[in-house]
């Protein structure tokens, strides 16, 4: 399997190459040269597989040439062995049509664990072959940071620098990052928004001064969903849920709480591979750039509004570029021009082919604070289920969608409710407890560095502390 950049001029790489590279050298994002296809009978044969075996079946086409099925199986077994539920991503029924896919049974209580527990092991596997060293630089709106840090903390060949917007993540989210006291972990609290932090990370990837500061020996990679390997791992749970609800004989719809568009794009990939997806519902909060893009073609940024769902407080959704590239005929030159114009003006209009292509599978909804709270209350009172704010936004969008009553709708539960206890208590009257495995979180000491929202200050900090590659 070869991978190409959405902007057309970076070299094609194999799976190992794109995993270690993260972002393409031309500023684009890597996607497979073509989408693997499963027939109906091949999908039907996946029914009843364990999560590890299903993961191997779904991901093998993407890693061909870089990992054997046996190596992939070993990596998946070790990654998902750390989850607290035997099903890894269990499916819970709310009513006749609504279901919730619980993606928060990993070590940091968020869906990011599903991909990042595997990604950490992929990094280690590939680096061991060359005895090389890797510097990971990432930005987080809350959950990516803790999941990435947990996945690589203490690993010899990796340094990780994680940027988070100061004061804009929950106490639990922050502490899950800042209480990890491994020597290779660096937590940076940035004065600014997630979009500011993400822009710094993307700039760092193609900054020649970073490499020059280490004599040209500076290997940098990403754990954000700009890294293809993360999206690949997330495709698996779409198959897992759909198979349990009758696929391929029955179509299934998914409602996805959305910030950086990676989770939704994984569902799009599953559909391209042959999974019968009736609809992907893109659920946003009041930071609604994706809703505006999908309903009117207007992809333009505004001011980030802090909400009770901080992982969705985003105005620039990096993975949207992958969708636009695929829907626009995979024209890298045109994509580079379109994204270059957007990066300069912070506004662009989707083309007709992009809008029409998206509309064939995707719809969207904008959910405000009151609607979020109503969904949390309904789930608690009528279904006995406690939801976090992000999942509640997805559930409101799911219940508002106009779909055939016979079509099951699966809302992705992206985080454990105890990560957002104040918002849950306001909506339901009950304060969720942290699971016992992280119950001492507020007794641990924290370590982080406050930095201004200026690229040069952040780049200098990373450059001085990163280990050169071999």
Protein backbone atom coordinates (compact mmCIF):
# COMPACT_ATOMS: atom_id res chain seq x y z
CA UNK A 1 0.00 0.00 0.00
CA UNK A 2 1.30 3.42 -1.01
CA UNK A 3 0.15 6.77 0.39
CA UNK A 4 -0.07 10.12 -1.40
CA UNK A 5 -0.34 13.69 -0.13
CA UNK A 6 -3.53 15.70 -0.51
CA UNK A 7 -1.41 18.53 -1.91
CA UNK A 8 0.23 16.47 -4.60
CA UNK A 9 3.95 17.22 -4.43
CA UNK A 10 5.27 15.17 -1.49
CA UNK A 11 6.75 11.75 -2.28
CA UNK A 12 4.52 8.69 -1.99
CA UNK A 13 5.34 6.63 1.10
CA UNK A 14 4.53 3.20 2.49
CA UNK A 15 2.67 2.69 5.76
CA UNK A 16 5.82 2.78 7.87
CA UNK A 17 6.84 6.01 6.19
CA UNK A 18 3.54 7.82 6.73
CA UNK A 19 3.32 6.65 10.33
CA UNK A 20 6.71 8.09 11.18
CA UNK A 21 6.25 11.22 9.04
CA UNK A 22 2.81 12.31 10.25
CA UNK A 23 2.40 15.37 8.04
CA UNK A 24 3.49 15.37 4.39
CA UNK A 25 6.48 17.52 3.43
CA UNK A 26 4.27 19.71 1.19
CA UNK A 27 1.96 20.54 4.11
CA UNK A 28 -0.69 18.07 3.00
CA UNK A 29 -2.11 14.98 4.67
CA UNK A 30 -1.45 11.43 3.55
CA UNK A 31 -4.22 9.18 2.26
CA UNK A 32 -4.08 5.73 0.64
CA UNK A 33 -3.44 5.76 -3.09
CA UNK A 34 -6.74 3.88 -3.41
CA UNK A 35 -9.36 2.61 -0.97
CA UNK A 36 -9.30 -1.12 -0.16
CA UNK A 37 -12.60 -2.80 -0.92
CA UNK A 38 -14.43 -5.56 0.97
CA UNK A 39 -17.26 -7.50 -0.65
CA UNK A 40 -20.55 -8.18 1.16
CA UNK A 41 -19.48 -11.76 1.78
CA UNK A 42 -16.10 -10.66 3.16
CA UNK A 43 -17.85 -8.27 5.57
CA UNK A 44 -20.35 -10.96 6.57
CA UNK A 45 -17.42 -13.26 7.40
CA UNK A 46 -16.21 -10.69 9.95
CA UNK A 47 -19.25 -11.20 12.17
CA UNK A 48 -18.40 -12.72 15.53
CA UNK A 49 -14.66 -11.96 15.40
CA UNK A 50 -12.98 -10.65 18.53
CA UNK A 51 -12.03 -6.98 18.41
CA UNK A 52 -8.37 -7.85 17.84
CA UNK A 53 -9.15 -10.23 14.98
CA UNK A 54 -11.54 -7.71 13.42
CA UNK A 55 -8.84 -5.04 13.67
CA UNK A 56 -6.36 -7.28 11.89
CA UNK A 57 -8.88 -8.06 9.14
CA UNK A 58 -9.80 -4.39 8.56
CA UNK A 59 -6.31 -2.89 8.82
CA UNK A 60 -4.23 -5.50 6.95
CA UNK A 61 -4.75 -3.89 3.51
CA UNK A 62 -3.46 -0.55 4.85
CA UNK A 63 -0.24 -1.94 6.36
CA UNK A 64 0.67 -4.31 3.53
CA UNK A 65 4.38 -4.19 2.84
CA UNK A 66 5.22 -2.76 6.28
CA UNK A 67 3.71 -5.27 8.74
CA UNK A 68 2.78 -8.92 8.48
CA UNK A 69 -0.64 -10.00 9.80
CA UNK A 70 1.17 -11.72 12.66
CA UNK A 71 3.05 -8.55 13.62
CA UNK A 72 -0.17 -6.51 13.41
CA UNK A 73 -2.01 -9.06 15.57
CA UNK A 74 0.69 -8.89 18.23
CA UNK A 75 0.58 -5.08 18.29
CA UNK A 76 -3.23 -5.06 18.52
CA UNK A 77 -3.28 -7.70 21.25
CA UNK A 78 -0.96 -5.62 23.41
CA UNK A 79 -2.74 -2.33 22.62
CA UNK A 80 -6.27 -3.51 23.39
CA UNK A 81 -5.23 -5.68 26.31
CA UNK A 82 -5.08 -2.46 28.35
CA UNK A 83 -8.81 -1.75 27.93
CA UNK A 84 -11.13 -2.30 30.89
CA UNK A 85 -13.93 -3.92 28.85
CA UNK A 86 -13.50 -7.25 27.11
CA UNK A 87 -15.42 -5.97 24.06
CA UNK A 88 -13.02 -2.98 23.81
CA UNK A 89 -15.76 -0.78 22.27
CA UNK A 90 -19.09 -2.10 23.64
CA UNK A 91 -22.42 -1.13 22.10
CA UNK A 92 -25.26 0.01 24.40
CA UNK A 93 -28.93 0.34 23.43
CA UNK A 94 -30.88 3.46 24.47
CA UNK A 95 -34.24 2.89 22.77
CA UNK A 96 -35.66 1.21 19.67
CA UNK A 97 -33.45 3.23 17.29
CA UNK A 98 -30.72 4.90 19.31
CA UNK A 99 -27.48 3.19 20.35
CA UNK A 100 -24.26 4.39 21.96
CA UNK A 101 -20.82 3.01 21.07
CA UNK A 102 -18.66 3.34 24.18
CA UNK A 103 -15.16 4.27 23.10
CA UNK A 104 -13.87 5.32 26.54
CA UNK A 105 -12.71 2.06 28.12
CA UNK A 106 -9.02 2.70 27.44
CA UNK A 107 -6.51 3.93 30.01
CA UNK A 108 -7.29 7.66 29.62
CA UNK A 109 -11.09 7.32 29.29
CA UNK A 110 -11.44 8.68 25.75
CA UNK A 111 -11.86 7.39 22.21
CA UNK A 112 -8.34 8.54 21.36
CA UNK A 113 -7.00 5.51 23.26
CA UNK A 114 -8.37 3.15 20.61
CA UNK A 115 -5.93 4.56 18.07
CA UNK A 116 -3.11 5.88 20.22
CA UNK A 117 -2.46 2.70 22.20
CA UNK A 118 -1.76 1.11 18.83
CA UNK A 119 0.13 4.09 17.42
CA UNK A 120 2.58 4.12 20.34
CA UNK A 121 3.43 0.50 19.65
CA UNK A 122 3.73 1.15 15.91
CA UNK A 123 6.25 3.91 16.60
CA UNK A 124 8.27 1.64 18.86
CA UNK A 125 8.17 -1.26 16.37
CA UNK A 126 9.36 0.84 13.43
CA UNK A 127 12.00 2.79 15.39
CA UNK A 128 13.52 -0.42 16.77
CA UNK A 129 14.25 -1.60 13.22
CA UNK A 130 16.48 1.41 12.54
CA UNK A 131 17.59 2.25 16.09
CA UNK A 132 16.29 5.77 15.40
CA UNK A 133 14.81 8.47 17.65
CA UNK A 134 11.54 10.33 17.15
CA UNK A 135 10.26 13.67 18.43
CA UNK A 136 6.48 13.82 18.67
CA UNK A 137 4.88 17.26 18.70
CA UNK A 138 1.14 17.47 19.15
CA UNK A 139 -1.68 19.84 19.98
CA UNK A 140 -4.68 18.80 22.02
CA UNK A 141 -8.11 20.21 22.76
CA UNK A 142 -8.28 17.78 25.66
CA UNK A 143 -8.22 14.06 25.01
CA UNK A 144 -5.51 13.51 22.39
CA UNK A 145 -2.81 14.77 24.73
CA UNK A 146 -3.49 12.40 27.61
CA UNK A 147 -3.98 9.42 25.31
CA UNK A 148 -0.77 10.12 23.39
CA UNK A 149 1.26 10.70 26.53
CA UNK A 150 0.00 7.47 28.08
CA UNK A 151 0.87 5.59 24.88
CA UNK A 152 4.52 6.74 24.70
CA UNK A 153 5.52 7.71 28.25
CA UNK A 154 8.85 6.15 29.19
CA UNK A 155 9.59 4.76 25.72
CA UNK A 156 13.32 5.08 25.03
CA UNK A 157 13.30 6.26 21.42
CA UNK A 158 10.57 8.89 21.74
CA UNK A 159 10.25 12.43 23.15
CA UNK A 160 6.76 13.94 23.26
CA UNK A 161 5.89 17.64 23.45
CA UNK A 162 2.16 18.21 23.91
CA UNK A 163 0.62 21.67 23.54
CA UNK A 164 -2.73 22.44 25.16
CA UNK A 165 -4.65 25.75 25.34
CA UNK A 166 -4.17 27.04 28.87
CA UNK A 167 -7.39 27.08 30.89
CA UNK A 168 -9.45 25.59 28.05
CA UNK A 169 -9.38 21.88 28.94
CA UNK A 170 -11.15 20.24 31.87
CA UNK A 171 -9.31 19.62 35.15
CA UNK A 172 -9.40 15.87 34.52
CA UNK A 173 -8.09 16.25 30.98
CA UNK A 174 -5.25 18.50 32.13
CA UNK A 175 -4.26 16.31 35.05
CA UNK A 176 -4.21 13.19 32.88
CA UNK A 177 -1.41 14.90 30.95
CA UNK A 178 0.45 16.86 33.60
CA UNK A 179 0.64 14.13 36.26
CA UNK A 180 2.60 11.78 33.99
CA UNK A 181 6.15 12.26 35.27
CA UNK A 182 8.21 10.43 32.65
CA UNK A 183 11.46 12.08 31.48
CA UNK A 184 10.41 11.97 27.81
CA UNK A 185 7.11 13.83 28.42
CA UNK A 186 6.85 17.64 28.12
CA UNK A 187 3.51 19.39 28.73
CA UNK A 188 3.21 22.91 27.33
CA UNK A 189 0.31 25.19 28.33
CA UNK A 190 -0.10 27.72 25.51
CA UNK A 191 -1.69 31.12 25.90
CA UNK A 192 -4.26 30.82 23.10
CA UNK A 193 -6.78 28.46 21.53
CA UNK A 194 -6.44 24.90 20.24
CA UNK A 195 -6.36 26.29 16.70
CA UNK A 196 -3.35 28.42 17.68
CA UNK A 197 -1.57 25.37 19.11
CA UNK A 198 -2.41 23.23 16.09
CA UNK A 199 -1.12 25.89 13.70
CA UNK A 200 2.20 25.95 15.59
CA UNK A 201 2.52 22.18 15.33
CA UNK A 202 1.88 22.15 11.58
CA UNK A 203 4.39 24.97 11.08
CA UNK A 204 7.04 23.12 13.08
CA UNK A 205 6.89 20.13 10.72
CA UNK A 206 8.17 22.16 7.80
CA UNK A 207 10.41 24.61 9.63
CA UNK A 208 14.01 24.21 8.31
CA UNK A 209 15.35 25.95 11.41
CA UNK A 210 14.19 23.04 13.56
CA UNK A 211 16.23 20.54 11.57
CA UNK A 212 19.18 22.93 11.34
CA UNK A 213 19.29 23.27 15.12
CA UNK A 214 20.10 19.55 15.31
CA UNK A 215 22.55 19.43 12.44
CA UNK A 216 19.83 18.15 10.13
CA UNK A 217 19.15 15.18 12.41
CA UNK A 218 15.64 15.92 13.65
CA UNK A 219 12.86 13.42 13.03
CA UNK A 220 9.45 14.80 13.93
CA UNK A 221 6.08 13.06 13.82
CA UNK A 222 2.47 13.60 14.85
CA UNK A 223 -0.04 11.90 17.09
CA UNK A 224 -2.90 14.17 16.11
CA UNK A 225 -5.33 12.76 13.61
CA UNK A 226 -3.23 14.30 10.84
CA UNK A 227 -1.30 11.00 11.26
CA UNK A 228 -2.90 8.44 8.96
CA UNK A 229 -2.26 5.51 11.33
CA UNK A 230 -4.59 7.07 13.89
CA UNK A 231 -7.47 7.28 11.45
CA UNK A 232 -6.84 3.75 10.22
CA UNK A 233 -7.29 2.35 13.74
CA UNK A 234 -10.54 4.26 14.19
CA UNK A 235 -12.10 2.68 11.10
CA UNK A 236 -12.29 -0.63 12.97
CA UNK A 237 -14.97 0.34 15.47
CA UNK A 238 -17.35 1.40 12.71
CA UNK A 239 -17.15 -2.15 11.41
CA UNK A 240 -17.53 -3.53 14.94
CA UNK A 241 -20.74 -1.60 15.61
CA UNK A 242 -22.32 -2.16 12.21
CA UNK A 243 -21.66 -5.91 12.30
CA UNK A 244 -23.40 -6.19 15.66
CA UNK A 245 -26.45 -4.40 14.23
CA UNK A 246 -26.81 -6.62 11.17
CA UNK A 247 -24.33 -5.40 8.56
CA UNK A 248 -23.88 -6.01 5.70
CA UNK A 249 -27.56 -6.98 5.34
CA UNK A 250 -28.64 -3.86 7.26
CA UNK A 251 -27.47 -0.28 6.89
CA UNK A 252 -26.44 1.67 9.97
CA UNK A 253 -26.19 5.44 10.58
CA UNK A 254 -23.59 7.05 12.85
CA UNK A 255 -23.67 10.35 14.72
CA UNK A 256 -20.21 11.66 15.51
CA UNK A 257 -19.32 14.50 17.92
CA UNK A 258 -16.90 16.44 15.80
CA UNK A 259 -13.95 18.75 16.27
CA UNK A 260 -10.99 17.97 14.04
CA UNK A 261 -13.05 15.72 11.68
CA UNK A 262 -10.80 12.69 12.13
CA UNK A 263 -13.43 10.46 13.73
CA UNK A 264 -15.99 11.29 11.04
CA UNK A 265 -13.46 10.72 8.29
CA UNK A 266 -12.76 7.25 9.69
CA UNK A 267 -16.47 6.52 9.16
CA UNK A 268 -16.20 7.86 5.61
CA UNK A 269 -13.27 5.48 5.02
CA UNK A 270 -15.32 2.56 6.35
CA UNK A 271 -18.06 3.42 3.87
CA UNK A 272 -15.54 3.65 1.01
CA UNK A 273 -14.32 0.18 1.98
CA UNK A 274 -17.80 -1.26 1.50
CA UNK A 275 -19.42 -0.98 4.95
CA UNK A 276 -23.14 -0.16 4.41
CA UNK A 277 -23.35 3.25 6.12
CA UNK A 278 -26.74 4.91 5.68
CA UNK A 279 -25.62 8.31 6.96
CA UNK A 280 -22.80 10.03 8.83
CA UNK A 281 -24.16 12.81 11.03
CA UNK A 282 -21.54 15.48 11.76
CA UNK A 283 -22.48 16.87 15.19
CA UNK A 284 -20.88 20.21 16.09
CA UNK A 285 -21.33 22.58 19.00
CA UNK A 286 -21.62 26.36 18.52
CA UNK A 287 -18.13 26.34 16.96
CA UNK A 288 -19.86 25.24 13.80
CA UNK A 289 -17.48 25.70 10.86
CA UNK A 290 -18.16 22.15 9.65
CA UNK A 291 -21.94 22.56 9.89
CA UNK A 292 -21.73 25.74 7.84
CA UNK A 293 -19.45 24.08 5.29
CA UNK A 294 -21.74 21.08 4.82
CA UNK A 295 -24.99 23.05 4.69
CA UNK A 296 -23.96 26.12 2.70
CA UNK A 297 -20.46 25.43 1.40
CA UNK A 298 -19.02 28.19 3.62
CA UNK A 299 -15.78 26.99 5.23
CA UNK A 300 -14.66 30.14 7.02
CA UNK A 301 -13.29 30.58 10.50
CA UNK A 302 -14.73 32.64 13.32
CA UNK A 303 -13.81 33.24 16.94
CA UNK A 304 -13.57 30.13 19.10
CA UNK A 305 -16.27 30.11 21.77
CA UNK A 306 -15.30 28.14 24.91
CA UNK A 307 -17.99 25.59 25.83
CA UNK A 308 -18.63 22.65 28.15
CA UNK A 309 -17.45 20.41 25.28
CA UNK A 310 -13.87 21.71 24.92
CA UNK A 311 -12.66 19.02 22.51
CA UNK A 312 -15.04 20.53 19.95
CA UNK A 313 -14.00 24.15 20.48
CA UNK A 314 -12.23 24.26 17.13
CA UNK A 315 -12.53 26.46 14.05
CA UNK A 316 -10.04 24.72 11.74
CA UNK A 317 -10.72 21.00 11.24
CA UNK A 318 -7.52 19.58 9.75
CA UNK A 319 -8.96 16.30 8.49
CA UNK A 320 -11.61 18.06 6.42
CA UNK A 321 -8.86 18.47 3.83
CA UNK A 322 -8.77 14.70 3.34
CA UNK A 323 -12.49 14.64 2.57
CA UNK A 324 -12.30 17.60 0.19
CA UNK A 325 -9.37 15.99 -1.63
CA UNK A 326 -11.24 12.72 -2.11
CA UNK A 327 -14.47 14.43 -3.19
CA UNK A 328 -12.65 16.83 -5.51
CA UNK A 329 -11.27 14.14 -7.79
CA UNK A 330 -8.00 13.70 -5.86
CA UNK A 331 -6.42 16.65 -7.64
CA UNK A 332 -3.42 17.54 -5.48
CA UNK A 333 -2.60 20.75 -7.34
CA UNK A 334 -6.16 22.05 -6.99
CA UNK A 335 -6.23 21.02 -3.32
CA UNK A 336 -2.97 22.84 -2.62
CA UNK A 337 -4.36 26.00 -4.21
CA UNK A 338 -7.65 25.73 -2.34
CA UNK A 339 -5.99 25.17 1.03
CA UNK A 340 -3.36 27.82 0.38
CA UNK A 341 -6.13 30.34 -0.24
CA UNK A 342 -7.91 29.24 2.93
CA UNK A 343 -4.76 29.50 5.04
CA UNK A 344 -4.21 33.02 3.77
CA UNK A 345 -7.77 34.31 4.08
CA UNK A 346 -9.30 31.90 6.65
CA UNK A 347 -12.26 31.47 4.29
CA UNK A 348 -13.18 29.40 1.27
CA UNK A 349 -16.18 28.04 -0.61
CA UNK A 350 -16.52 24.35 -1.31
CA UNK A 351 -16.75 23.41 -4.97
CA UNK A 352 -19.95 21.91 -6.35
CA UNK A 353 -18.35 18.46 -6.58
CA UNK A 354 -17.21 18.69 -2.96
CA UNK A 355 -20.64 19.79 -1.73
CA UNK A 356 -22.54 17.21 -3.77
CA UNK A 357 -20.18 14.41 -2.83
CA UNK A 358 -20.42 15.23 0.87
CA UNK A 359 -24.22 15.45 0.73
CA UNK A 360 -24.48 11.88 -0.58
CA UNK A 361 -23.29 10.53 2.79
CA UNK A 362 -22.95 13.34 5.34
CA UNK A 363 -25.42 15.59 7.11
CA UNK A 364 -24.69 17.93 10.00
CA UNK A 365 -26.24 19.54 13.05
CA UNK A 366 -25.32 22.50 15.27
CA UNK A 367 -26.10 21.80 18.92
CA UNK A 368 -26.12 24.52 21.57
CA UNK A 369 -25.56 24.26 25.33
CA UNK A 370 -29.25 23.89 26.18
CA UNK A 371 -29.78 21.12 23.62
CA UNK A 372 -26.68 19.34 24.90
CA UNK A 373 -28.00 19.46 28.46
CA UNK A 374 -31.42 18.21 27.33
CA UNK A 375 -29.81 15.18 25.68
CA UNK A 376 -27.82 14.41 28.83
CA UNK A 377 -30.99 14.65 30.90
CA UNK A 378 -32.98 12.40 28.56
CA UNK A 379 -30.30 9.72 28.52
CA UNK A 380 -30.08 9.74 32.32
CA UNK A 381 -33.81 9.82 33.04
CA UNK A 382 -35.15 7.59 30.27
CA UNK A 383 -32.26 5.22 29.60
CA UNK A 384 -30.20 5.12 32.79
CA UNK A 385 -27.11 6.26 30.87
CA UNK A 386 -24.75 9.05 31.88
CA UNK A 387 -23.16 10.82 28.93
CA UNK A 388 -20.35 13.33 28.67
CA UNK A 389 -21.07 16.67 26.92
CA UNK A 390 -19.51 15.66 23.58
CA UNK A 391 -21.51 12.44 23.38
CA UNK A 392 -24.67 14.35 24.33
CA UNK A 393 -24.12 16.67 21.38
CA UNK A 394 -23.88 13.61 19.13
CA UNK A 395 -27.02 12.11 20.66
CA UNK A 396 -29.06 15.29 20.18
CA UNK A 397 -28.02 15.33 16.53
CA UNK A 398 -28.89 11.62 16.20
CA UNK A 399 -32.35 12.03 17.72
CA UNK A 400 -33.02 15.07 15.51
CA UNK A 401 -32.03 13.32 12.28
CA UNK A 402 -34.82 12.40 9.90
CA UNK A 403 -34.04 8.77 9.27
CA UNK A 404 -36.21 5.74 8.67
CA UNK A 405 -37.21 4.34 12.10
CA UNK A 406 -35.90 0.94 11.05
CA UNK A 407 -32.35 2.32 10.62
CA UNK A 408 -30.29 2.02 13.81
CA UNK A 409 -28.39 5.18 14.72
CA UNK A 410 -25.14 4.80 16.65
CA UNK A 411 -23.78 7.79 18.56
CA UNK A 412 -20.07 7.60 19.25
CA UNK A 413 -19.47 8.07 23.00
CA UNK A 414 -16.12 9.75 22.82
CA UNK A 415 -15.29 10.26 26.51
CA UNK A 416 -16.18 8.98 29.96
CA UNK A 417 -18.60 11.36 31.72
CA UNK A 418 -16.27 11.66 34.72
CA UNK A 419 -13.88 13.69 32.55
CA UNK A 420 -16.48 16.50 32.65
CA UNK A 421 -18.12 16.17 36.08
CA UNK A 422 -19.31 19.79 36.41
CA UNK A 423 -21.20 19.78 33.11
CA UNK A 424 -22.73 16.36 33.83
CA UNK A 425 -23.83 17.43 37.32
CA UNK A 426 -25.45 20.61 36.01
CA UNK A 427 -27.47 18.64 33.46
CA UNK A 428 -28.39 15.55 35.47
CA UNK A 429 -28.01 16.46 39.13
CA UNK A 430 -25.56 13.60 39.67
CA UNK A 431 -21.78 13.89 39.74
CA UNK A 432 -20.02 11.00 37.97
CA UNK A 433 -17.13 9.30 39.72
CA UNK A 434 -13.80 8.55 38.12
CA UNK A 435 -13.22 4.83 37.55
CA UNK A 436 -11.11 3.22 40.23
CA UNK A 437 -8.16 2.75 37.88
CA UNK A 438 -7.66 6.55 37.74
CA UNK A 439 -9.26 7.40 41.08
CA UNK A 440 -6.15 8.99 42.61
CA UNK A 441 -5.74 11.49 39.75
CA UNK A 442 -6.33 14.55 41.93
CA UNK A 443 -3.77 13.42 44.50
CA UNK A 444 -0.87 13.37 42.00
CA UNK A 445 1.45 16.34 41.49
CA UNK A 446 1.43 18.21 38.18
CA UNK A 447 4.24 19.39 35.92
CA UNK A 448 3.82 21.70 32.93
CA UNK A 449 5.44 24.76 31.37
CA UNK A 450 3.47 27.93 30.58
CA UNK A 451 4.45 29.49 27.25
CA UNK A 452 3.12 32.49 25.32
CA UNK A 453 1.07 31.89 22.20
CA UNK A 454 4.07 32.67 20.01
CA UNK A 455 5.59 30.19 17.58
CA UNK A 456 9.21 31.18 18.20
CA UNK A 457 8.94 30.59 21.96
CA UNK A 458 7.40 27.15 21.49
CA UNK A 459 9.81 26.12 18.72
CA UNK A 460 12.80 27.18 20.81
CA UNK A 461 11.57 25.16 23.80
CA UNK A 462 11.12 22.03 21.69
CA UNK A 463 14.42 22.47 19.84
CA UNK A 464 16.47 22.77 23.05
CA UNK A 465 15.01 19.64 24.62
CA UNK A 466 14.45 17.26 21.71
CA UNK A 467 16.86 14.38 21.14
CA UNK A 468 18.47 14.31 17.65
CA UNK A 469 17.69 11.35 15.42
CA UNK A 470 20.43 8.88 14.57
